[in-house]
Every structure is written in structure tokens, then in C-alpha cells.
C-alpha atoms as a PDB file:
ATOM      1  CA  LEU A   1       0.000   0.000   0.000  1.00  0.00           C
ATOM      2  CA  VAL A   2       1.484   3.315  -1.036  1.00  0.00           C
ATOM      3  CA  SER A   3       0.448   6.676   0.342  1.00  0.00           C
ATOM      4  CA  ILE A   4       1.595   9.699  -1.634  1.00  0.00           C
ATOM      5  CA  ASP A   5       1.581  13.018   0.195  1.00  0.00           C
ATOM      6  CA  ILE A   6       2.007  15.578  -2.567  1.00  0.00           C
ATOM      7  CA  LYS A   7       1.971  18.579  -0.207  1.00  0.00           C
ATOM      8  CA  ASN A   8       4.882  17.285   1.895  1.00  0.00           C
ATOM      9  CA  GLU A   9       6.483  15.367  -0.990  1.00  0.00           C
ATOM     10  CA  THR A  10       6.620  12.067   0.901  1.00  0.00           C
ATOM     11  CA  ILE A  11       5.794   8.503   0.022  1.00  0.00           C
ATOM     12  CA  LYS A  12       4.964   5.890   2.643  1.00  0.00           C
ATOM     13  CA  MET A  13       4.658   2.164   2.023  1.00  0.00           C
ATOM     14  CA  VAL A  14       2.944  -0.572   3.997  1.00  0.00           C
ATOM     15  CA  SER A  15       3.391  -4.216   3.056  1.00  0.00           C
ATOM     16  CA  PHE A  16       0.844  -6.970   3.508  1.00  0.00           C
ATOM     17  CA  MET A  17       2.225 -10.496   3.755  1.00  0.00           C
ATOM     18  CA  ARG A  18       0.943 -12.667   0.931  1.00  0.00           C
ATOM     19  CA  ASP A  19       0.468 -15.661   3.247  1.00  0.00           C
ATOM     20  CA  SER A  20      -1.697 -13.773   5.764  1.00  0.00           C
ATOM     21  CA  TYR A  21      -4.949 -15.652   6.291  1.00  0.00           C
ATOM     22  CA  THR A  22      -8.125 -13.723   5.673  1.00  0.00           C
ATOM     23  CA  TYR A  23     -11.803 -14.395   5.245  1.00  0.00           C
ATOM     24  CA  MET A  24     -12.992 -13.908   1.686  1.00  0.00           C
ATOM     25  CA  ASP A  25     -16.709 -13.329   1.785  1.00  0.00           C
ATOM     26  CA  GLN A  26     -17.011 -13.516  -2.003  1.00  0.00           C
ATOM     27  CA  PHE A  27     -15.853 -17.138  -1.792  1.00  0.00           C
ATOM     28  CA  ASP A  28     -17.178 -17.902   1.735  1.00  0.00           C
ATOM     29  CA  ARG A  29     -13.859 -19.294   2.917  1.00  0.00           C
ATOM     30  CA  TYR A  30     -10.566 -18.433   4.554  1.00  0.00           C
ATOM     31  CA  ALA A  31      -7.535 -18.244   2.305  1.00  0.00           C
ATOM     32  CA  LYS A  32      -4.165 -16.567   1.955  1.00  0.00           C
ATOM     33  CA  LEU A  33      -4.286 -12.888   1.036  1.00  0.00           C
ATOM     34  CA  ASN A  34      -2.630 -13.476  -2.347  1.00  0.00           C
ATOM     35  CA  ALA A  35      -5.645 -15.634  -3.287  1.00  0.00           C
ATOM     36  CA  ALA A  36      -7.858 -12.529  -3.196  1.00  0.00           C
ATOM     37  CA  CYS A  37      -6.103 -11.091  -6.232  1.00  0.00           C
ATOM     38  CA  ALA A  38      -5.647 -14.446  -7.959  1.00  0.00           C
ATOM     39  CA  ASN A  39      -9.334 -15.356  -7.607  1.00  0.00           C
ATOM     40  CA  GLY A  40     -11.097 -11.989  -7.604  1.00  0.00           C
ATOM     41  CA  GLY A  41      -8.686  -9.575  -9.257  1.00  0.00           C
ATOM     42  CA  PRO A  42      -7.082  -6.407  -7.909  1.00  0.00           C
ATOM     43  CA  ALA A  43     -10.404  -4.757  -7.017  1.00  0.00           C
ATOM     44  CA  TYR A  44     -11.274  -7.710  -4.774  1.00  0.00           C
ATOM     45  CA  LEU A  45      -7.828  -7.583  -3.169  1.00  0.00           C
ATOM     46  CA  VAL A  46      -8.440  -3.907  -2.350  1.00  0.00           C
ATOM     47  CA  GLU A  47     -11.857  -4.768  -0.909  1.00  0.00           C
ATOM     48  CA  THR A  48     -10.346  -7.564   1.202  1.00  0.00           C
ATOM     49  CA  ILE A  49      -7.599  -5.325   2.608  1.00  0.00           C
ATOM     50  CA  GLU A  50     -10.116  -2.559   3.324  1.00  0.00           C
ATOM     51  CA  ASN A  51     -12.337  -5.007   5.225  1.00  0.00           C
ATOM     52  CA  ASP A  52      -9.496  -6.607   7.189  1.00  0.00           C
ATOM     53  CA  TYR A  53      -7.634  -3.447   8.133  1.00  0.00           C
ATOM     54  CA  LYS A  54     -10.554  -0.986   8.286  1.00  0.00           C
ATOM     55  CA  ILE A  55      -8.885   1.447   5.906  1.00  0.00           C
ATOM     56  CA  GLU A  56     -10.028   3.161   2.736  1.00  0.00           C
ATOM     57  CA  ILE A  57      -7.943   2.719  -0.392  1.00  0.00           C
ATOM     58  CA  ASP A  58      -8.444   5.326  -3.112  1.00  0.00           C
ATOM     59  CA  GLY A  59      -7.359   3.195  -6.030  1.00  0.00           C
ATOM     60  CA  TYR A  60      -5.088   0.462  -7.256  1.00  0.00           C
ATOM     61  CA  VAL A  61      -2.349   0.238  -9.842  1.00  0.00           C
ATOM     62  CA  MET A  62      -1.042  -3.187 -10.768  1.00  0.00           C
ATOM     63  CA  VAL A  63       1.987  -3.383 -13.058  1.00  0.00           C
ATOM     64  CA  ASP A  64       3.122  -6.693 -14.531  1.00  0.00           C
ATOM     65  CA  LEU A  65       6.607  -8.073 -13.938  1.00  0.00           C
ATOM     66  CA  ASP A  66       7.762  -7.431 -17.507  1.00  0.00           C
ATOM     67  CA  SER A  67       7.006  -3.725 -17.024  1.00  0.00           C
ATOM     68  CA  PHE A  68       8.938  -3.761 -13.752  1.00  0.00           C
ATOM     69  CA  VAL A  69      11.985  -5.115 -15.608  1.00  0.00           C
ATOM     70  CA  GLN A  70      11.573  -2.603 -18.456  1.00  0.00           C
ATOM     71  CA  VAL A  71      11.335   0.391 -16.099  1.00  0.00           C
ATOM     72  CA  ILE A  72      14.578  -0.542 -14.374  1.00  0.00           C
ATOM     73  CA  ASP A  73      16.300  -1.094 -17.716  1.00  0.00           C
ATOM     74  CA  ILE A  74      15.086   2.302 -18.993  1.00  0.00           C
ATOM     75  CA  LEU A  75      16.724   3.857 -15.935  1.00  0.00           C
ATOM     76  CA  GLY A  76      20.005   2.107 -16.744  1.00  0.00           C
ATOM     77  CA  GLY A  77      19.658  -0.206 -13.733  1.00  0.00           C
ATOM     78  CA  ILE A  78      19.559   0.336 -10.000  1.00  0.00           C
ATOM     79  CA  ARG A  79      22.243   0.059  -7.356  1.00  0.00           C
ATOM     80  CA  MET A  80      21.871  -2.421  -4.510  1.00  0.00           C
ATOM     81  CA  ASP A  81      24.008  -4.023  -1.825  1.00  0.00           C
ATOM     82  CA  VAL A  82      24.121  -7.765  -2.552  1.00  0.00           C
ATOM     83  CA  PRO A  83      25.752  -9.992   0.085  1.00  0.00           C
ATOM     84  CA  ALA A  84      27.999 -12.715  -1.365  1.00  0.00           C
ATOM     85  CA  ASP A  85      25.949 -15.600   0.081  1.00  0.00           C
ATOM     86  CA  TYR A  86      22.745 -14.195  -1.427  1.00  0.00           C
ATOM     87  CA  ALA A  87      24.436 -13.647  -4.809  1.00  0.00           C
ATOM     88  CA  SER A  88      25.663 -17.249  -4.685  1.00  0.00           C
ATOM     89  CA  TYR A  89      22.098 -18.439  -4.012  1.00  0.00           C
ATOM     90  CA  LEU A  90      20.781 -16.364  -6.947  1.00  0.00           C
ATOM     91  CA  SER A  91      23.468 -17.670  -9.318  1.00  0.00           C
ATOM     92  CA  ASN A  92      22.579 -20.678 -11.449  1.00  0.00           C
ATOM     93  CA  LYS A  93      22.903 -22.136 -14.945  1.00  0.00           C
ATOM     94  CA  LYS A  94      19.735 -20.474 -16.216  1.00  0.00           C
ATOM     95  CA  TYR A  95      20.519 -16.934 -15.014  1.00  0.00           C
ATOM     96  CA  GLY A  96      24.299 -17.053 -14.759  1.00  0.00           C
ATOM     97  CA  GLN A  97      26.512 -15.498 -12.107  1.00  0.00           C
ATOM     98  CA  PHE A  98      24.715 -12.948  -9.930  1.00  0.00           C
ATOM     99  CA  PRO A  99      26.881  -9.938  -8.963  1.00  0.00           C
ATOM    100  CA  SER A 100      27.784  -9.327  -5.330  1.00  0.00           C
ATOM    101  CA  GLY A 101      29.149  -6.430  -3.344  1.00  0.00           C
ATOM    102  CA  ASN A 102      28.167  -2.972  -2.198  1.00  0.00           C
ATOM    103  CA  ASN A 103      26.442  -0.604  -4.605  1.00  0.00           C
ATOM    104  CA  VAL A 104      26.233  -3.217  -7.388  1.00  0.00           C
ATOM    105  CA  LEU A 105      24.437  -2.189 -10.579  1.00  0.00           C
ATOM    106  CA  LEU A 106      21.514  -4.544 -11.295  1.00  0.00           C
ATOM    107  CA  ASP A 107      19.588  -4.650 -14.540  1.00  0.00           C
ATOM    108  CA  GLY A 108      15.838  -5.231 -14.572  1.00  0.00           C
ATOM    109  CA  LYS A 109      15.929  -9.039 -14.582  1.00  0.00           C
ATOM    110  CA  GLN A 110      18.517  -9.120 -11.808  1.00  0.00           C
ATOM    111  CA  ALA A 111      16.513  -6.654  -9.698  1.00  0.00           C
ATOM    112  CA  LEU A 112      13.395  -8.780 -10.156  1.00  0.00           C
ATOM    113  CA  ARG A 113      15.225 -11.906  -8.979  1.00  0.00           C
ATOM    114  CA  PHE A 114      16.735  -9.945  -6.087  1.00  0.00           C
ATOM    115  CA  CYS A 115      13.312  -9.050  -4.737  1.00  0.00           C
ATOM    116  CA  GLN A 116      11.374 -12.265  -5.471  1.00  0.00           C
ATOM    117  CA  VAL A 117      13.256 -14.845  -3.400  1.00  0.00           C
ATOM    118  CA  ARG A 118      11.976 -15.773   0.041  1.00  0.00           C
ATOM    119  CA  LYS A 119      13.183 -19.336   0.632  1.00  0.00           C
ATOM    120  CA  PHE A 120      16.800 -18.235   1.086  1.00  0.00           C
ATOM    121  CA  PHE A 121      15.911 -16.230   4.178  1.00  0.00           C
ATOM    122  CA  GLU A 122      15.145 -17.623   7.612  1.00  0.00           C
ATOM    123  CA  SER A 123      12.437 -14.954   7.965  1.00  0.00           C
ATOM    124  CA  GLY A 124      11.003 -15.799   4.516  1.00  0.00           C
ATOM    125  CA  ASP A 125       8.458 -13.268   3.328  1.00  0.00           C
ATOM    126  CA  VAL A 126       9.605 -10.612   5.810  1.00  0.00           C
ATOM    127  CA  SER A 127      13.043 -10.478   4.180  1.00  0.00           C
ATOM    128  CA  ARG A 128      11.562 -10.654   0.699  1.00  0.00           C
ATOM    129  CA  VAL A 129       9.332  -7.664   1.477  1.00  0.00           C
ATOM    130  CA  SER A 130      12.389  -5.839   2.812  1.00  0.00           C
ATOM    131  CA  ASN A 131      14.211  -6.476  -0.476  1.00  0.00           C
ATOM    132  CA  GLN A 132      11.159  -5.371  -2.461  1.00  0.00           C
ATOM    133  CA  ARG A 133      11.108  -2.107  -0.521  1.00  0.00           C
ATOM    134  CA  LYS A 134      14.822  -1.579  -1.163  1.00  0.00           C
ATOM    135  CA  VAL A 135      14.285  -2.054  -4.896  1.00  0.00           C
ATOM    136  CA  ILE A 136      11.233   0.238  -4.981  1.00  0.00           C
ATOM    137  CA  ASN A 137      13.153   2.928  -3.078  1.00  0.00           C
ATOM    138  CA  ALA A 138      16.081   2.541  -5.486  1.00  0.00           C
ATOM    139  CA  ILE A 139      13.706   3.003  -8.446  1.00  0.00           C
ATOM    140  CA  ILE A 140      12.160   6.095  -6.842  1.00  0.00           C
ATOM    141  CA  ASN A 141      15.571   7.598  -6.058  1.00  0.00           C
ATOM    142  CA  ARG A 142      16.838   6.844  -9.561  1.00  0.00           C
ATOM    143  CA  CYS A 143      13.709   8.474 -11.053  1.00  0.00           C
ATOM    144  CA  LYS A 144      14.538  11.706  -9.201  1.00  0.00           C
ATOM    145  CA  GLY A 145      17.526  12.153 -11.489  1.00  0.00           C
ATOM    146  CA  ALA A 146      15.934  10.712 -14.619  1.00  0.00           C
ATOM    147  CA  THR A 147      15.870  12.620 -17.871  1.00  0.00           C
ATOM    148  CA  LEU A 148      12.621  13.720 -19.459  1.00  0.00           C
ATOM    149  CA  GLY A 149      13.151  11.059 -22.124  1.00  0.00           C
ATOM    150  CA  GLU A 150      13.497   8.356 -19.469  1.00  0.00           C
ATOM    151  CA  ILE A 151      10.374   9.565 -17.648  1.00  0.00           C
ATOM    152  CA  ASN A 152       8.399   9.564 -20.918  1.00  0.00           C
ATOM    153  CA  ALA A 153       9.622   6.059 -21.753  1.00  0.00           C
ATOM    154  CA  ILE A 154       8.656   4.835 -18.268  1.00  0.00           C
ATOM    155  CA  ALA A 155       5.201   6.407 -18.582  1.00  0.00           C
ATOM    156  CA  ASP A 156       4.726   4.701 -21.958  1.00  0.00           C
ATOM    157  CA  VAL A 157       5.631   1.292 -20.490  1.00  0.00           C
ATOM    158  CA  ILE A 158       3.515   1.672 -17.366  1.00  0.00           C
ATOM    159  CA  LEU A 159       0.442   3.127 -19.025  1.00  0.00           C
ATOM    160  CA  ALA A 160       0.459   0.404 -21.683  1.00  0.00           C
ATOM    161  CA  ASN A 161       0.797  -2.443 -19.162  1.00  0.00           C
ATOM    162  CA  VAL A 162      -1.170  -1.438 -16.112  1.00  0.00           C
ATOM    163  CA  ARG A 163      -4.395  -2.654 -14.551  1.00  0.00           C
ATOM    164  CA  THR A 164      -5.885   0.194 -12.584  1.00  0.00           C
ATOM    165  CA  ASN A 165      -8.964   2.080 -11.528  1.00  0.00           C
ATOM    166  CA  VAL A 166      -6.973   5.337 -11.380  1.00  0.00           C
ATOM    167  CA  SER A 167      -7.106   7.741 -14.315  1.00  0.00           C
ATOM    168  CA  GLN A 168      -4.053   8.164 -16.552  1.00  0.00           C
ATOM    169  CA  LYS A 169      -4.101  11.876 -15.674  1.00  0.00           C
ATOM    170  CA  THR A 170      -3.787  11.068 -11.963  1.00  0.00           C
ATOM    171  CA  ILE A 171      -1.010   8.529 -12.575  1.00  0.00           C
ATOM    172  CA  LEU A 172       0.934  11.032 -14.675  1.00  0.00           C
ATOM    173  CA  SER A 173       0.467  13.726 -12.018  1.00  0.00           C
ATOM    174  CA  TYR A 174       2.319  11.541  -9.509  1.00  0.00           C
END
């Protein structure tokens, strides 16, 4: 959940664990939170979170993983700290050697892998969410210095590949 405070120029994020159990009245059963989106779409996920947490969500924007990769590549990559043991875990025949070290430049596919893994970590989803937040913050910080051409290219990718109930005008205003 992202809250954008335009007046104070701040962004706050709250994460909901995908494996949290919740009651889904549409299906009259308990299930993991990620099942709300899988079975009822993003609007039903919003409804489920609103019911569980007694909050009001103004809208949703859901971007596919290919767009996530493209946005990072448009920005020329993002910089992350990648511990050697985590890089070793992410390295394999299919994806090749994953870079390690401080302030390593990751392309879109590498950044996606960096923030998807949960089984490597003892804390599982908690650590994965932490990595996702690091990547999102890196994207936001990189966008602050992006050229107009990069911003236009990102807007083209996002607007063409988004599921949302928010107007394009509102998205572009952010």
C-alpha cells in the first residue's frame, strides 16, 4: 500500500504479507491474502484489505513483472548491496553469475530476482518484502535524477501495461 503526500512530498509504504490468512466473503472461505487477487482480481484484493484493516484505499495500480523489468532497464539499472551468500544463491545455470558487493548495478531481470526470493531467508516473506522495498526505493531515487526522455519512456511502459482504476491523468500527475 502506497500513500503519496504531494503537499509534503513524501511517500509511505505498507506491506501486507501474501500468506496472511483472511476471510474472503465472495468465496465464503478463509484463504491466503494473495488468493484474493488471484481469484477476484485487484479490485477484490483492495476490498479484502479494506475489510481486514478498516482502511479506505483510493485506487489500485497493478503493473506486470515485464514492465517492472523494463522500467529498471530504462533507468540504466539500479544500485543495490548484494551480500555474497545471497548472490551465490541467486546464481545458477539459467541466469548465470549474480553480482555481489556494495552498490552493485543490477539490470531489470537481476533486480526482479533480487526481490522475489523468500526461501533463502530464515524470515522468509519478511526479508523478501524488505528487499522489495529496497528495490522500490532505489527506483524512486533513480527516477529523481531521470531525464525527461526516461520519464516519458517509463510512462509509456507503465500506461500500456497497467491494470488500474486510477485515471491516466492522476497517474501522470504523480
